[in-house]
């Protein structure tokens, strides 16, 4: 027990400037052949302000990391997911680490001067990141889950703007525990998708109108030519 207390104390000193770390998965994809977000994934990215923005129900990050694309793993989805949020907060997305460099990521987080950090990664490596931050019992991140937020902290209360109730808790051995909550942005995503459909239909109508006008002009011109020709023939004979 004494050894564990010493380790915890040392970890607390190391992590003194990183009070809260939030791990999320990138937004939805079209399929494995595409490297970008699907319309649903883009809508999720646009709605993250409701979670992490200045008026969001979770605290606003001071630093944002996203998985860097490589030749082997070309997906830009982690970066694309947090870019709208980063832009709104005036932050740059840090792409220093590739998928498998989670140990280096954890070391950097340990020494980070920022108090609140958001990390967006592929679901297969998020448990590894949590492991490196002291959550040995971190579960597998299921393939169909896109709306979880893993919050690692020694005290979640100061970092939420409302009464958040985690639906799972995992206790760590290095001073941090992990609380799993939902993003709660399903309605925002639905609204975004509906708006996009309306805008798409409006744009299609605008594009179609000149074609209709062109057809009408052709008909009018043809009638005018026919009238002139008829008058000419009448005068001729």
C-alpha atoms as a PDB file:
ATOM      1  CA  UNK A   1       0.000   0.000   0.000  1.00  0.00           C
ATOM      2  CA  UNK A   2       2.861   2.367   0.842  1.00  0.00           C
ATOM      3  CA  UNK A   3       4.481   1.707  -2.550  1.00  0.00           C
ATOM      4  CA  UNK A   4       1.196   2.451  -4.316  1.00  0.00           C
ATOM      5  CA  UNK A   5       0.836   5.701  -2.352  1.00  0.00           C
ATOM      6  CA  UNK A   6       4.322   6.773  -3.372  1.00  0.00           C
ATOM      7  CA  UNK A   7       3.621   5.969  -7.039  1.00  0.00           C
ATOM      8  CA  UNK A   8       0.352   7.875  -6.882  1.00  0.00           C
ATOM      9  CA  UNK A   9       2.043  10.874  -5.301  1.00  0.00           C
ATOM     10  CA  UNK A  10       4.776  10.903  -7.917  1.00  0.00           C
ATOM     11  CA  UNK A  11       2.207  10.611 -10.692  1.00  0.00           C
ATOM     12  CA  UNK A  12       0.241  13.464  -9.162  1.00  0.00           C
ATOM     13  CA  UNK A  13       3.322  15.659  -9.266  1.00  0.00           C
ATOM     14  CA  UNK A  14       4.064  14.676 -12.859  1.00  0.00           C
ATOM     15  CA  UNK A  15       0.493  15.332 -13.939  1.00  0.00           C
ATOM     16  CA  UNK A  16       0.105  18.497 -11.888  1.00  0.00           C
ATOM     17  CA  UNK A  17      -0.586  20.666 -14.939  1.00  0.00           C
ATOM     18  CA  UNK A  18      -2.897  18.215 -16.723  1.00  0.00           C
ATOM     19  CA  UNK A  19      -5.952  18.010 -14.512  1.00  0.00           C
ATOM     20  CA  UNK A  20      -8.373  16.545 -17.006  1.00  0.00           C
ATOM     21  CA  UNK A  21      -7.988  14.511 -20.198  1.00  0.00           C
ATOM     22  CA  UNK A  22     -10.913  13.727 -22.498  1.00  0.00           C
ATOM     23  CA  UNK A  23     -10.700  10.941 -25.075  1.00  0.00           C
ATOM     24  CA  UNK A  24     -13.111  10.730 -28.008  1.00  0.00           C
ATOM     25  CA  UNK A  25     -13.363   8.702 -31.173  1.00  0.00           C
ATOM     26  CA  UNK A  26     -13.449  10.267 -34.626  1.00  0.00           C
ATOM     27  CA  UNK A  27     -16.812  10.710 -36.350  1.00  0.00           C
ATOM     28  CA  UNK A  28     -18.570   8.214 -38.588  1.00  0.00           C
ATOM     29  CA  UNK A  29     -17.046   7.058 -41.886  1.00  0.00           C
ATOM     30  CA  UNK A  30     -18.587   6.240 -45.256  1.00  0.00           C
ATOM     31  CA  UNK A  31     -16.702   2.954 -45.595  1.00  0.00           C
ATOM     32  CA  UNK A  32     -13.161   1.592 -45.372  1.00  0.00           C
ATOM     33  CA  UNK A  33     -12.329   2.888 -48.855  1.00  0.00           C
ATOM     34  CA  UNK A  34     -12.865   6.511 -47.812  1.00  0.00           C
ATOM     35  CA  UNK A  35     -10.522   8.438 -45.539  1.00  0.00           C
ATOM     36  CA  UNK A  36     -12.864  11.309 -44.679  1.00  0.00           C
ATOM     37  CA  UNK A  37     -16.030  11.676 -42.632  1.00  0.00           C
ATOM     38  CA  UNK A  38     -19.494  10.647 -43.759  1.00  0.00           C
ATOM     39  CA  UNK A  39     -22.268  13.290 -43.689  1.00  0.00           C
ATOM     40  CA  UNK A  40     -23.220  11.951 -40.248  1.00  0.00           C
ATOM     41  CA  UNK A  41     -19.609  12.185 -39.106  1.00  0.00           C
ATOM     42  CA  UNK A  42     -19.287  15.748 -40.380  1.00  0.00           C
ATOM     43  CA  UNK A  43     -22.500  16.690 -38.595  1.00  0.00           C
ATOM     44  CA  UNK A  44     -21.062  15.198 -35.395  1.00  0.00           C
ATOM     45  CA  UNK A  45     -17.885  17.239 -35.856  1.00  0.00           C
ATOM     46  CA  UNK A  46     -19.931  20.413 -36.313  1.00  0.00           C
ATOM     47  CA  UNK A  47     -21.912  19.655 -33.151  1.00  0.00           C
ATOM     48  CA  UNK A  48     -18.954  19.103 -30.811  1.00  0.00           C
ATOM     49  CA  UNK A  49     -19.180  22.771 -29.829  1.00  0.00           C
ATOM     50  CA  UNK A  50     -22.263  21.811 -27.824  1.00  0.00           C
ATOM     51  CA  UNK A  51     -20.073  19.467 -25.785  1.00  0.00           C
ATOM     52  CA  UNK A  52     -16.696  21.206 -25.567  1.00  0.00           C
ATOM     53  CA  UNK A  53     -17.385  24.788 -26.685  1.00  0.00           C
ATOM     54  CA  UNK A  54     -17.515  27.821 -24.413  1.00  0.00           C
ATOM     55  CA  UNK A  55     -21.168  27.036 -23.634  1.00  0.00           C
ATOM     56  CA  UNK A  56     -20.803  23.258 -23.755  1.00  0.00           C
ATOM     57  CA  UNK A  57     -21.754  20.960 -20.905  1.00  0.00           C
ATOM     58  CA  UNK A  58     -18.166  19.722 -20.549  1.00  0.00           C
ATOM     59  CA  UNK A  59     -15.187  21.958 -20.046  1.00  0.00           C
ATOM     60  CA  UNK A  60     -13.422  23.635 -22.960  1.00  0.00           C
ATOM     61  CA  UNK A  61     -10.062  22.105 -23.935  1.00  0.00           C
ATOM     62  CA  UNK A  62      -6.927  24.202 -23.962  1.00  0.00           C
ATOM     63  CA  UNK A  63      -5.098  21.692 -26.152  1.00  0.00           C
ATOM     64  CA  UNK A  64      -6.400  19.311 -28.843  1.00  0.00           C
ATOM     65  CA  UNK A  65      -4.527  16.283 -30.162  1.00  0.00           C
ATOM     66  CA  UNK A  66      -5.634  14.170 -33.135  1.00  0.00           C
ATOM     67  CA  UNK A  67      -4.159  11.059 -34.716  1.00  0.00           C
ATOM     68  CA  UNK A  68      -1.875  11.938 -37.615  1.00  0.00           C
ATOM     69  CA  UNK A  69      -2.518  10.197 -40.976  1.00  0.00           C
ATOM     70  CA  UNK A  70       0.227   7.977 -42.386  1.00  0.00           C
ATOM     71  CA  UNK A  71       0.831   6.112 -45.624  1.00  0.00           C
ATOM     72  CA  UNK A  72      -0.501   2.952 -43.963  1.00  0.00           C
ATOM     73  CA  UNK A  73      -3.383   4.633 -42.124  1.00  0.00           C
ATOM     74  CA  UNK A  74      -4.500   7.475 -44.353  1.00  0.00           C
ATOM     75  CA  UNK A  75      -7.679   8.377 -42.511  1.00  0.00           C
ATOM     76  CA  UNK A  76      -8.072  12.089 -41.798  1.00  0.00           C
ATOM     77  CA  UNK A  77     -11.191  11.493 -39.704  1.00  0.00           C
ATOM     78  CA  UNK A  78      -9.626  12.216 -36.271  1.00  0.00           C
ATOM     79  CA  UNK A  79      -8.345  15.590 -37.487  1.00  0.00           C
ATOM     80  CA  UNK A  80     -11.555  16.340 -39.413  1.00  0.00           C
ATOM     81  CA  UNK A  81     -13.659  15.559 -36.334  1.00  0.00           C
ATOM     82  CA  UNK A  82     -12.048  18.167 -34.085  1.00  0.00           C
ATOM     83  CA  UNK A  83     -11.152  20.828 -36.679  1.00  0.00           C
ATOM     84  CA  UNK A  84     -14.480  22.764 -36.449  1.00  0.00           C
ATOM     85  CA  UNK A  85     -14.156  22.843 -32.650  1.00  0.00           C
ATOM     86  CA  UNK A  86     -10.501  23.890 -32.806  1.00  0.00           C
ATOM     87  CA  UNK A  87     -11.330  26.666 -35.274  1.00  0.00           C
ATOM     88  CA  UNK A  88     -14.083  28.019 -33.050  1.00  0.00           C
ATOM     89  CA  UNK A  89     -11.723  28.037 -30.054  1.00  0.00           C
ATOM     90  CA  UNK A  90      -8.798  29.536 -31.945  1.00  0.00           C
ATOM     91  CA  UNK A  91      -6.670  26.419 -31.418  1.00  0.00           C
ATOM     92  CA  UNK A  92      -4.425  24.394 -33.707  1.00  0.00           C
ATOM     93  CA  UNK A  93      -4.985  20.634 -33.869  1.00  0.00           C
ATOM     94  CA  UNK A  94      -1.739  18.962 -32.772  1.00  0.00           C
ATOM     95  CA  UNK A  95      -0.888  16.132 -35.212  1.00  0.00           C
ATOM     96  CA  UNK A  96       2.451  15.182 -33.672  1.00  0.00           C
ATOM     97  CA  UNK A  97       1.578  11.523 -33.073  1.00  0.00           C
ATOM     98  CA  UNK A  98       0.531   8.634 -35.307  1.00  0.00           C
ATOM     99  CA  UNK A  99      -1.852   5.886 -34.234  1.00  0.00           C
ATOM    100  CA  UNK A 100       0.687   3.628 -32.519  1.00  0.00           C
ATOM    101  CA  UNK A 101       2.594   6.394 -30.721  1.00  0.00           C
ATOM    102  CA  UNK A 102       0.231   6.446 -27.753  1.00  0.00           C
ATOM    103  CA  UNK A 103       3.079   6.059 -25.248  1.00  0.00           C
ATOM    104  CA  UNK A 104       4.759   9.181 -26.585  1.00  0.00           C
ATOM    105  CA  UNK A 105       1.399  10.955 -26.515  1.00  0.00           C
ATOM    106  CA  UNK A 106       0.911  10.028 -22.847  1.00  0.00           C
ATOM    107  CA  UNK A 107       4.395  11.258 -21.943  1.00  0.00           C
ATOM    108  CA  UNK A 108       3.686  14.565 -23.649  1.00  0.00           C
ATOM    109  CA  UNK A 109       0.381  14.899 -21.809  1.00  0.00           C
ATOM    110  CA  UNK A 110       2.176  14.256 -18.511  1.00  0.00           C
ATOM    111  CA  UNK A 111       4.435  17.253 -19.042  1.00  0.00           C
ATOM    112  CA  UNK A 112       1.854  19.475 -20.733  1.00  0.00           C
ATOM    113  CA  UNK A 113       1.276  22.914 -19.193  1.00  0.00           C
ATOM    114  CA  UNK A 114      -2.404  22.819 -20.218  1.00  0.00           C
ATOM    115  CA  UNK A 115      -4.964  21.808 -17.600  1.00  0.00           C
ATOM    116  CA  UNK A 116      -7.607  20.452 -19.988  1.00  0.00           C
ATOM    117  CA  UNK A 117      -6.710  18.271 -22.979  1.00  0.00           C
ATOM    118  CA  UNK A 118      -8.894  16.691 -25.673  1.00  0.00           C
ATOM    119  CA  UNK A 119      -7.643  13.700 -27.675  1.00  0.00           C
ATOM    120  CA  UNK A 120      -9.366  12.362 -30.824  1.00  0.00           C
ATOM    121  CA  UNK A 121      -8.163   8.955 -32.044  1.00  0.00           C
ATOM    122  CA  UNK A 122      -9.145   5.727 -33.745  1.00  0.00           C
ATOM    123  CA  UNK A 123     -11.222   3.480 -31.491  1.00  0.00           C
ATOM    124  CA  UNK A 124      -8.713   0.611 -31.617  1.00  0.00           C
ATOM    125  CA  UNK A 125      -5.999   2.618 -29.825  1.00  0.00           C
ATOM    126  CA  UNK A 126      -8.026   4.690 -27.370  1.00  0.00           C
ATOM    127  CA  UNK A 127      -7.889   1.919 -24.717  1.00  0.00           C
ATOM    128  CA  UNK A 128      -4.084   1.915 -25.074  1.00  0.00           C
ATOM    129  CA  UNK A 129      -3.997   5.653 -24.390  1.00  0.00           C
ATOM    130  CA  UNK A 130      -6.161   5.148 -21.300  1.00  0.00           C
ATOM    131  CA  UNK A 131      -3.849   2.318 -20.169  1.00  0.00           C
ATOM    132  CA  UNK A 132      -0.828   4.609 -20.424  1.00  0.00           C
ATOM    133  CA  UNK A 133      -2.661   7.156 -18.275  1.00  0.00           C
ATOM    134  CA  UNK A 134      -3.203   4.601 -15.520  1.00  0.00           C
ATOM    135  CA  UNK A 135      -6.545   2.972 -16.405  1.00  0.00           C
ATOM    136  CA  UNK A 136      -5.482  -0.666 -16.667  1.00  0.00           C
ATOM    137  CA  UNK A 137      -9.084  -1.872 -16.873  1.00  0.00           C
ATOM    138  CA  UNK A 138     -10.025   0.341 -19.839  1.00  0.00           C
ATOM    139  CA  UNK A 139     -12.498  -1.613 -21.997  1.00  0.00           C
ATOM    140  CA  UNK A 140     -12.512  -2.199 -25.725  1.00  0.00           C
ATOM    141  CA  UNK A 141     -14.091   0.683 -27.635  1.00  0.00           C
ATOM    142  CA  UNK A 142     -16.874  -0.962 -29.642  1.00  0.00           C
ATOM    143  CA  UNK A 143     -16.894  -0.453 -33.401  1.00  0.00           C
ATOM    144  CA  UNK A 144     -20.395   1.050 -33.558  1.00  0.00           C
ATOM    145  CA  UNK A 145     -19.908   3.515 -30.690  1.00  0.00           C
ATOM    146  CA  UNK A 146     -19.148   7.106 -31.709  1.00  0.00           C
ATOM    147  CA  UNK A 147     -20.702   9.182 -28.923  1.00  0.00           C
ATOM    148  CA  UNK A 148     -18.728   8.250 -25.798  1.00  0.00           C
ATOM    149  CA  UNK A 149     -16.403  10.618 -23.961  1.00  0.00           C
ATOM    150  CA  UNK A 150     -13.798   9.055 -21.682  1.00  0.00           C
ATOM    151  CA  UNK A 151     -12.934  11.604 -18.986  1.00  0.00           C
ATOM    152  CA  UNK A 152      -9.780  10.968 -16.972  1.00  0.00           C
ATOM    153  CA  UNK A 153      -9.455  13.100 -13.854  1.00  0.00           C
ATOM    154  CA  UNK A 154      -9.030  12.992 -10.098  1.00  0.00           C
ATOM    155  CA  UNK A 155     -12.155  15.123  -9.660  1.00  0.00           C
ATOM    156  CA  UNK A 156     -14.689  15.605 -12.451  1.00  0.00           C
ATOM    157  CA  UNK A 157     -16.906  18.180 -10.697  1.00  0.00           C
ATOM    158  CA  UNK A 158     -14.955  21.386 -11.503  1.00  0.00           C
ATOM    159  CA  UNK A 159     -14.792  20.502 -15.192  1.00  0.00           C
ATOM    160  CA  UNK A 160     -18.468  20.160 -16.072  1.00  0.00           C
ATOM    161  CA  UNK A 161     -21.084  22.855 -16.644  1.00  0.00           C
ATOM    162  CA  UNK A 162     -23.961  20.701 -15.469  1.00  0.00           C
ATOM    163  CA  UNK A 163     -24.748  17.683 -13.349  1.00  0.00           C
ATOM    164  CA  UNK A 164     -23.131  14.950 -15.447  1.00  0.00           C
ATOM    165  CA  UNK A 165     -23.836  11.375 -14.461  1.00  0.00           C
ATOM    166  CA  UNK A 166     -21.299   8.912 -15.913  1.00  0.00           C
ATOM    167  CA  UNK A 167     -22.745   5.578 -16.911  1.00  0.00           C
ATOM    168  CA  UNK A 168     -19.465   3.745 -16.293  1.00  0.00           C
ATOM    169  CA  UNK A 169     -16.516   4.402 -13.970  1.00  0.00           C
ATOM    170  CA  UNK A 170     -13.066   2.813 -14.118  1.00  0.00           C
ATOM    171  CA  UNK A 171     -10.635   3.345 -11.271  1.00  0.00           C
ATOM    172  CA  UNK A 172      -7.002   3.996 -12.069  1.00  0.00           C
ATOM    173  CA  UNK A 173      -3.829   3.242 -10.155  1.00  0.00           C
ATOM    174  CA  UNK A 174      -1.896   6.430 -10.932  1.00  0.00           C
ATOM    175  CA  UNK A 175      -4.066   9.137  -9.458  1.00  0.00           C
ATOM    176  CA  UNK A 176      -6.728   9.397 -12.174  1.00  0.00           C
ATOM    177  CA  UNK A 177     -10.080   7.669 -12.569  1.00  0.00           C
ATOM    178  CA  UNK A 178     -12.041   7.401 -15.812  1.00  0.00           C
ATOM    179  CA  UNK A 179     -15.669   8.475 -16.173  1.00  0.00           C
ATOM    180  CA  UNK A 180     -17.591   7.516 -19.309  1.00  0.00           C
ATOM    181  CA  UNK A 181     -20.334   9.896 -20.430  1.00  0.00           C
ATOM    182  CA  UNK A 182     -22.264  10.492 -23.637  1.00  0.00           C
ATOM    183  CA  UNK A 183     -21.906  13.468 -25.979  1.00  0.00           C
ATOM    184  CA  UNK A 184     -25.689  14.082 -25.994  1.00  0.00           C
ATOM    185  CA  UNK A 185     -25.706  15.696 -29.441  1.00  0.00           C
ATOM    186  CA  UNK A 186     -28.060  13.358 -31.327  1.00  0.00           C
ATOM    187  CA  UNK A 187     -30.638  16.125 -31.818  1.00  0.00           C
ATOM    188  CA  UNK A 188     -27.996  18.546 -33.066  1.00  0.00           C
ATOM    189  CA  UNK A 189     -26.759  15.943 -35.553  1.00  0.00           C
ATOM    190  CA  UNK A 190     -30.299  15.279 -36.798  1.00  0.00           C
ATOM    191  CA  UNK A 191     -30.895  19.006 -37.253  1.00  0.00           C
ATOM    192  CA  UNK A 192     -27.622  19.409 -39.159  1.00  0.00           C
ATOM    193  CA  UNK A 193     -28.417  16.538 -41.497  1.00  0.00           C
ATOM    194  CA  UNK A 194     -31.941  17.855 -42.135  1.00  0.00           C
ATOM    195  CA  UNK A 195     -30.582  21.345 -42.861  1.00  0.00           C
ATOM    196  CA  UNK A 196     -28.016  19.918 -45.259  1.00  0.00           C
ATOM    197  CA  UNK A 197     -30.743  18.053 -47.164  1.00  0.00           C
ATOM    198  CA  UNK A 198     -32.858  21.219 -47.460  1.00  0.00           C
ATOM    199  CA  UNK A 199     -29.875  23.264 -48.651  1.00  0.00           C
ATOM    200  CA  UNK A 200     -28.975  20.575 -51.164  1.00  0.00           C
ATOM    201  CA  UNK A 201     -32.509  20.561 -52.567  1.00  0.00           C
ATOM    202  CA  UNK A 202     -32.545  24.370 -52.744  1.00  0.00           C
ATOM    203  CA  UNK A 203     -29.252  24.388 -54.633  1.00  0.00           C
ATOM    204  CA  UNK A 204     -30.565  21.765 -57.043  1.00  0.00           C
ATOM    205  CA  UNK A 205     -33.629  23.947 -57.746  1.00  0.00           C
ATOM    206  CA  UNK A 206     -31.452  26.999 -58.411  1.00  0.00           C
ATOM    207  CA  UNK A 207     -29.315  25.034 -60.856  1.00  0.00           C
ATOM    208  CA  UNK A 208     -32.391  23.682 -62.615  1.00  0.00           C
ATOM    209  CA  UNK A 209     -34.121  27.046 -63.140  1.00  0.00           C
ATOM    210  CA  UNK A 210     -31.715  28.412 -65.799  1.00  0.00           C
ATOM    211  CA  UNK A 211     -32.252  25.243 -67.805  1.00  0.00           C
ATOM    212  CA  UNK A 212     -36.005  25.778 -67.760  1.00  0.00           C
ATOM    213  CA  UNK A 213     -35.557  29.422 -68.750  1.00  0.00           C
ATOM    214  CA  UNK A 214     -33.267  28.369 -71.572  1.00  0.00           C
ATOM    215  CA  UNK A 215     -35.854  25.946 -72.887  1.00  0.00           C
ATOM    216  CA  UNK A 216     -38.512  28.641 -72.837  1.00  0.00           C
ATOM    217  CA  UNK A 217     -36.226  31.036 -74.727  1.00  0.00           C
ATOM    218  CA  UNK A 218     -35.605  28.410 -77.401  1.00  0.00           C
ATOM    219  CA  UNK A 219     -39.367  27.946 -77.830  1.00  0.00           C
ATOM    220  CA  UNK A 220     -39.940  31.722 -78.070  1.00  0.00           C
ATOM    221  CA  UNK A 221     -37.133  32.156 -80.604  1.00  0.00           C
ATOM    222  CA  UNK A 222     -38.463  29.291 -82.725  1.00  0.00           C
ATOM    223  CA  UNK A 223     -41.925  30.845 -82.765  1.00  0.00           C
ATOM    224  CA  UNK A 224     -40.468  34.237 -83.760  1.00  0.00           C
ATOM    225  CA  UNK A 225     -38.510  32.679 -86.636  1.00  0.00           C
ATOM    226  CA  UNK A 226     -41.628  30.850 -87.816  1.00  0.00           C
ATOM    227  CA  UNK A 227     -43.644  34.089 -87.770  1.00  0.00           C
ATOM    228  CA  UNK A 228     -41.012  35.993 -89.780  1.00  0.00           C
ATOM    229  CA  UNK A 229     -40.746  33.165 -92.301  1.00  0.00           C
ATOM    230  CA  UNK A 230     -44.531  33.022 -92.674  1.00  0.00           C
ATOM    231  CA  UNK A 231     -44.709  36.810 -93.309  1.00  0.00           C
ATOM    232  CA  UNK A 232     -41.899  36.607 -95.874  1.00  0.00           C
ATOM    233  CA  UNK A 233     -43.628  33.829 -97.804  1.00  0.00           C
ATOM    234  CA  UNK A 234     -46.926  35.738 -97.758  1.00  0.00           C
ATOM    235  CA  UNK A 235     -45.308  38.867 -99.241  1.00  0.00           C
ATOM    236  CA  UNK A 236     -43.361  36.830-101.781  1.00  0.00           C
ATOM    237  CA  UNK A 237     -46.413  35.147-103.236  1.00  0.00           C
END
